[in-house]
Amino acid sequence: MNVVTLKHIGKTYHLDAVDVPALIDIDLEIRPNCFTVISGPSGSGKTTLLNLIGCIDQPDSGEVIVAGEAVQTLSDDALSDFRARHIGFIFQNFNLLPVLTVRENVEYPLLLARVPAAERKARVAALIEAVGLSDKAGNFPGELSGGQRQRVAIARALAPSPNLVLADEPTANLDSHTGAAIIALMREMQREHHVTFVFSSHDPKVLAEADDAVMIRDGRIENIERREQRGEEAT
């Protein structure tokens, strides 16, 4: 079963007296356990598309199905709970809580989900080790490099064991060497945790790593290139 199915999606923003179509009749299926990259020029609609997949925004028309759930039928409270259980987020600005340590940032979504303390401790320790930051677990975000902060963000996104991880330009604020290392880490985490990653990105290195490359322009999908699903090689 596809992790995400979008059917005839339309989305228009209303700016004063002007209507700005952001997405026009979008049909998209996102396969499980793979890297899908949404790419296109600025203003193409890729961030809007990512927000709809992440249940942060709602379409004006069409149907959004995530992890088998028609999310438009959910109440606000149910939708918040659904996001917490099924979707992890990685942002280009990291969005770590500066007053919390690395360990506490990774633990935070598990606290919200009321995961028992012993399970939280074990899961957080394993994820921090997996992203290579065991020696930084007690540090605050301000004491870390950009690459280290993004590693924390990856661990935090994976903490609730989601079906889907969304990454908005995850390498945009990193140098090329660090960005390549982060892509490799996300691929490793995808294989280990059997999770689907969906990116919006201009980065050709991210696009080259895609199992599925979705090209969008002026609110319409121009092309979808299905490649070998490399994420399944290790499963």
Protein backbone atom coordinates (compact mmCIF):
# COMPACT_ATOMS: atom_id res chain seq x y z
CA MET A 1 0.00 0.00 0.00
CA ASN A 2 1.25 3.49 -0.82
CA VAL A 3 2.23 5.62 2.17
CA VAL A 4 0.63 8.69 0.56
CA THR A 5 -1.98 9.00 -2.16
CA LEU A 6 -3.10 12.39 -3.49
CA LYS A 7 -6.12 12.53 -5.78
CA HIS A 8 -6.98 15.60 -7.88
CA ILE A 9 -5.52 18.03 -5.34
CA GLY A 10 -6.13 21.74 -5.78
CA LYS A 11 -4.92 24.57 -3.56
CA THR A 12 -5.32 28.33 -4.07
CA TYR A 13 -4.06 31.14 -1.84
CA HIS A 14 -6.11 34.33 -1.60
CA LEU A 15 -3.96 37.46 -1.35
CA ASP A 16 -6.21 40.49 -0.95
CA ALA A 17 -8.27 40.49 -4.16
CA VAL A 18 -5.91 38.16 -6.03
CA ASP A 19 -6.24 34.38 -6.24
CA VAL A 20 -2.91 32.58 -6.57
CA PRO A 21 -3.19 28.91 -7.63
CA ALA A 22 -0.51 26.92 -5.78
CA LEU A 23 -1.44 23.38 -6.84
CA ILE A 24 -3.57 22.33 -9.81
CA ASP A 25 -5.09 18.83 -10.17
CA ILE A 26 -2.25 16.96 -8.48
CA ASP A 27 -2.24 13.16 -8.56
CA LEU A 28 0.64 11.50 -6.73
CA GLU A 29 1.43 8.15 -5.13
CA ILE A 30 4.36 7.83 -2.74
CA ARG A 31 5.73 4.33 -2.36
CA PRO A 32 6.68 2.83 1.02
CA ASN A 33 10.27 2.63 2.21
CA CYS A 34 11.86 4.92 -0.36
CA PHE A 35 13.27 8.39 -0.93
CA THR A 36 10.91 10.66 -2.83
CA VAL A 37 12.25 14.09 -3.79
CA ILE A 38 9.94 16.91 -4.86
CA SER A 39 11.90 19.42 -6.91
CA GLY A 40 11.12 22.55 -8.89
CA PRO A 41 11.85 26.27 -9.11
CA SER A 42 10.87 28.74 -6.39
CA GLY A 43 7.13 29.28 -6.40
CA SER A 44 6.45 25.96 -8.12
CA GLY A 45 4.29 24.63 -5.28
CA LYS A 46 6.65 22.07 -3.76
CA THR A 47 6.46 23.46 -0.21
CA THR A 48 2.66 23.61 -0.41
CA LEU A 49 2.66 20.00 -1.60
CA LEU A 50 4.91 18.97 1.29
CA ASN A 51 2.63 20.76 3.77
CA LEU A 52 -0.40 18.88 2.45
CA ILE A 53 1.40 15.55 2.70
CA GLY A 54 2.41 16.46 6.25
CA CYS A 55 -1.18 17.33 7.19
CA ILE A 56 -0.07 20.86 8.11
CA ASP A 57 -2.42 22.35 5.51
CA GLN A 58 -5.61 21.22 3.81
CA PRO A 59 -6.40 21.27 0.07
CA ASP A 60 -9.30 23.19 -1.41
CA SER A 61 -10.25 20.16 -3.48
CA GLY A 62 -9.27 16.53 -3.88
CA GLU A 63 -8.34 13.83 -1.38
CA VAL A 64 -5.25 13.28 0.78
CA ILE A 65 -4.66 9.75 2.11
CA VAL A 66 -1.70 9.20 4.46
CA ALA A 67 -0.89 5.83 6.04
CA GLY A 68 -4.27 4.56 4.87
CA GLU A 69 -6.19 7.42 6.52
CA ALA A 70 -8.30 9.98 4.65
CA VAL A 71 -6.92 12.84 6.72
CA GLN A 72 -9.52 15.43 5.69
CA THR A 73 -12.12 13.48 7.66
CA LEU A 74 -10.20 13.96 10.93
CA SER A 75 -10.98 16.62 13.53
CA ASP A 76 -8.23 19.07 14.51
CA ASP A 77 -7.41 17.09 17.66
CA ALA A 78 -7.42 13.78 15.80
CA LEU A 79 -5.23 15.27 13.08
CA SER A 80 -2.68 16.48 15.65
CA ASP A 81 -2.58 13.01 17.17
CA PHE A 82 -2.27 11.44 13.72
CA ARG A 83 0.73 13.66 12.85
CA ALA A 84 2.42 12.84 16.15
CA ARG A 85 2.06 9.08 15.55
CA HIS A 86 2.72 8.81 11.83
CA ILE A 87 4.81 11.75 10.57
CA GLY A 88 8.26 13.06 11.50
CA PHE A 89 9.55 16.45 10.33
CA ILE A 90 13.07 17.66 9.51
CA PHE A 91 13.48 21.39 8.81
CA GLN A 92 16.29 23.28 7.09
CA ASN A 93 16.60 25.54 10.16
CA PHE A 94 16.64 22.47 12.44
CA ASN A 95 13.89 23.84 14.78
CA LEU A 96 15.54 22.38 17.87
CA LEU A 97 14.50 23.75 21.26
CA PRO A 98 17.54 25.76 22.42
CA VAL A 99 16.88 25.26 26.16
CA LEU A 100 16.85 21.46 25.82
CA THR A 101 19.87 19.19 25.47
CA VAL A 102 20.36 16.83 22.55
CA ARG A 103 18.89 14.01 24.62
CA GLU A 104 15.89 16.12 25.67
CA ASN A 105 15.21 17.33 22.11
CA VAL A 106 15.08 13.76 20.82
CA GLU A 107 12.94 12.69 23.78
CA TYR A 108 10.45 15.53 23.43
CA PRO A 109 8.05 13.92 20.89
CA LEU A 110 8.03 10.75 23.00
CA LEU A 111 6.97 12.75 26.05
CA LEU A 112 4.11 14.22 24.04
CA ALA A 113 3.13 10.69 22.99
CA ARG A 114 3.29 9.52 26.63
CA VAL A 115 5.78 6.76 25.87
CA PRO A 116 6.82 5.03 29.14
CA ALA A 117 10.08 6.29 30.68
CA ALA A 118 12.10 3.10 30.24
CA GLU A 119 11.14 2.81 26.58
CA ARG A 120 11.88 6.52 26.02
CA LYS A 121 15.32 6.20 27.54
CA ALA A 122 16.24 3.16 25.45
CA ARG A 123 14.87 4.56 22.20
CA VAL A 124 16.52 7.97 22.64
CA ALA A 125 19.91 6.45 23.51
CA ALA A 126 19.76 4.15 20.47
CA LEU A 127 18.88 6.97 18.08
CA ILE A 128 21.53 9.34 19.42
CA GLU A 129 24.10 6.58 19.02
CA ALA A 130 22.83 5.82 15.51
CA VAL A 131 23.40 9.43 14.39
CA GLY A 132 26.85 9.47 15.99
CA LEU A 133 26.20 11.95 18.81
CA SER A 134 26.44 9.88 21.99
CA ASP A 135 29.26 12.12 23.21
CA LYS A 136 27.06 15.21 22.66
CA ALA A 137 23.89 13.94 24.36
CA GLY A 138 24.19 16.47 27.19
CA ASN A 139 25.04 19.43 24.95
CA PHE A 140 22.66 22.20 23.95
CA PRO A 141 21.96 23.02 20.27
CA GLY A 142 23.98 26.23 20.48
CA GLU A 143 27.06 24.13 21.23
CA LEU A 144 26.70 22.06 18.04
CA SER A 145 27.69 22.55 14.41
CA GLY A 146 25.03 22.76 11.69
CA GLY A 147 25.62 19.17 10.67
CA GLN A 148 25.34 17.97 14.26
CA ARG A 149 22.07 19.89 14.72
CA GLN A 150 20.65 18.26 11.62
CA ARG A 151 21.64 14.86 13.01
CA VAL A 152 19.69 15.67 16.17
CA ALA A 153 16.72 16.70 14.01
CA ILE A 154 16.88 13.36 12.18
CA ALA A 155 16.96 11.42 15.46
CA ARG A 156 14.03 13.47 16.80
CA ALA A 157 11.99 12.86 13.63
CA LEU A 158 12.54 9.10 13.91
CA ALA A 159 11.87 8.89 17.66
CA PRO A 160 8.10 8.21 17.43
CA SER A 161 8.69 5.43 14.82
CA PRO A 162 6.71 7.23 12.09
CA ASN A 163 5.57 5.81 8.75
CA LEU A 164 6.76 8.95 7.00
CA VAL A 165 9.50 11.55 7.48
CA LEU A 166 9.24 14.88 5.66
CA ALA A 167 12.33 17.01 5.08
CA ASP A 168 12.07 20.58 3.80
CA GLU A 169 15.36 21.48 2.04
CA PRO A 170 17.35 19.47 4.63
CA THR A 171 20.77 20.38 3.20
CA ALA A 172 20.09 24.04 2.34
CA ASN A 173 22.02 25.48 5.29
CA LEU A 174 24.89 23.01 5.18
CA ASP A 175 28.14 23.00 3.22
CA SER A 176 28.40 20.41 0.45
CA HIS A 177 30.51 17.93 2.44
CA THR A 178 28.22 18.05 5.47
CA GLY A 179 25.14 17.92 3.23
CA ALA A 180 26.41 14.75 1.55
CA ALA A 181 27.03 13.16 4.96
CA ILE A 182 23.50 14.05 6.07
CA ILE A 183 21.99 12.51 2.92
CA ALA A 184 23.97 9.32 3.55
CA LEU A 185 22.79 9.26 7.17
CA MET A 186 19.15 9.69 6.17
CA ARG A 187 19.48 6.85 3.66
CA GLU A 188 21.01 4.66 6.37
CA MET A 189 18.22 5.54 8.80
CA GLN A 190 15.60 4.89 6.12
CA ARG A 191 16.94 1.40 5.54
CA GLU A 192 17.29 0.61 9.23
CA HIS A 193 13.87 1.92 10.27
CA HIS A 194 11.94 1.00 7.09
CA VAL A 195 10.49 4.49 6.83
CA THR A 196 9.57 6.61 3.81
CA PHE A 197 11.40 9.92 3.36
CA VAL A 198 9.90 12.74 1.29
CA PHE A 199 12.06 15.78 0.57
CA SER A 200 11.59 19.13 -1.07
CA SER A 201 14.96 20.14 -2.43
CA HIS A 202 16.93 22.11 -5.01
CA ASP A 203 20.08 20.15 -4.14
CA PRO A 204 21.25 18.01 -7.09
CA LYS A 205 22.90 15.59 -4.63
CA VAL A 206 19.56 14.99 -2.93
CA LEU A 207 17.84 14.62 -6.30
CA ALA A 208 20.48 12.12 -7.45
CA GLU A 209 19.77 9.98 -4.39
CA ALA A 210 16.01 9.83 -5.06
CA ASP A 211 14.16 6.59 -5.68
CA ASP A 212 11.33 8.72 -7.09
CA ALA A 213 11.91 12.23 -8.45
CA VAL A 214 8.80 14.41 -8.71
CA MET A 215 9.29 17.52 -10.85
CA ILE A 216 6.78 20.31 -10.27
CA ARG A 217 6.33 23.65 -12.04
CA ASP A 218 3.59 26.29 -11.79
CA GLY A 219 1.55 24.10 -9.47
CA ARG A 220 1.48 21.08 -11.78
CA ILE A 221 3.50 17.88 -11.78
CA GLU A 222 5.56 17.87 -14.96
CA ASN A 223 7.20 14.49 -14.58
CA ILE A 224 7.69 11.62 -12.14
CA GLU A 225 10.79 9.50 -12.60
CA ARG A 226 10.57 6.13 -10.86
CA ARG A 227 14.00 4.68 -10.24
CA GLU A 228 15.32 1.52 -8.65
CA GLN A 229 14.12 1.45 -5.04
CA ARG A 230 17.52 1.36 -3.46
CA GLY A 231 16.14 1.66 0.06
CA GLU A 232 14.86 -1.90 -0.16
CA GLU A 233 18.26 -3.40 -0.93
CA ALA A 234 19.08 -3.74 2.76
CA THR A 235 15.63 -4.90 3.90
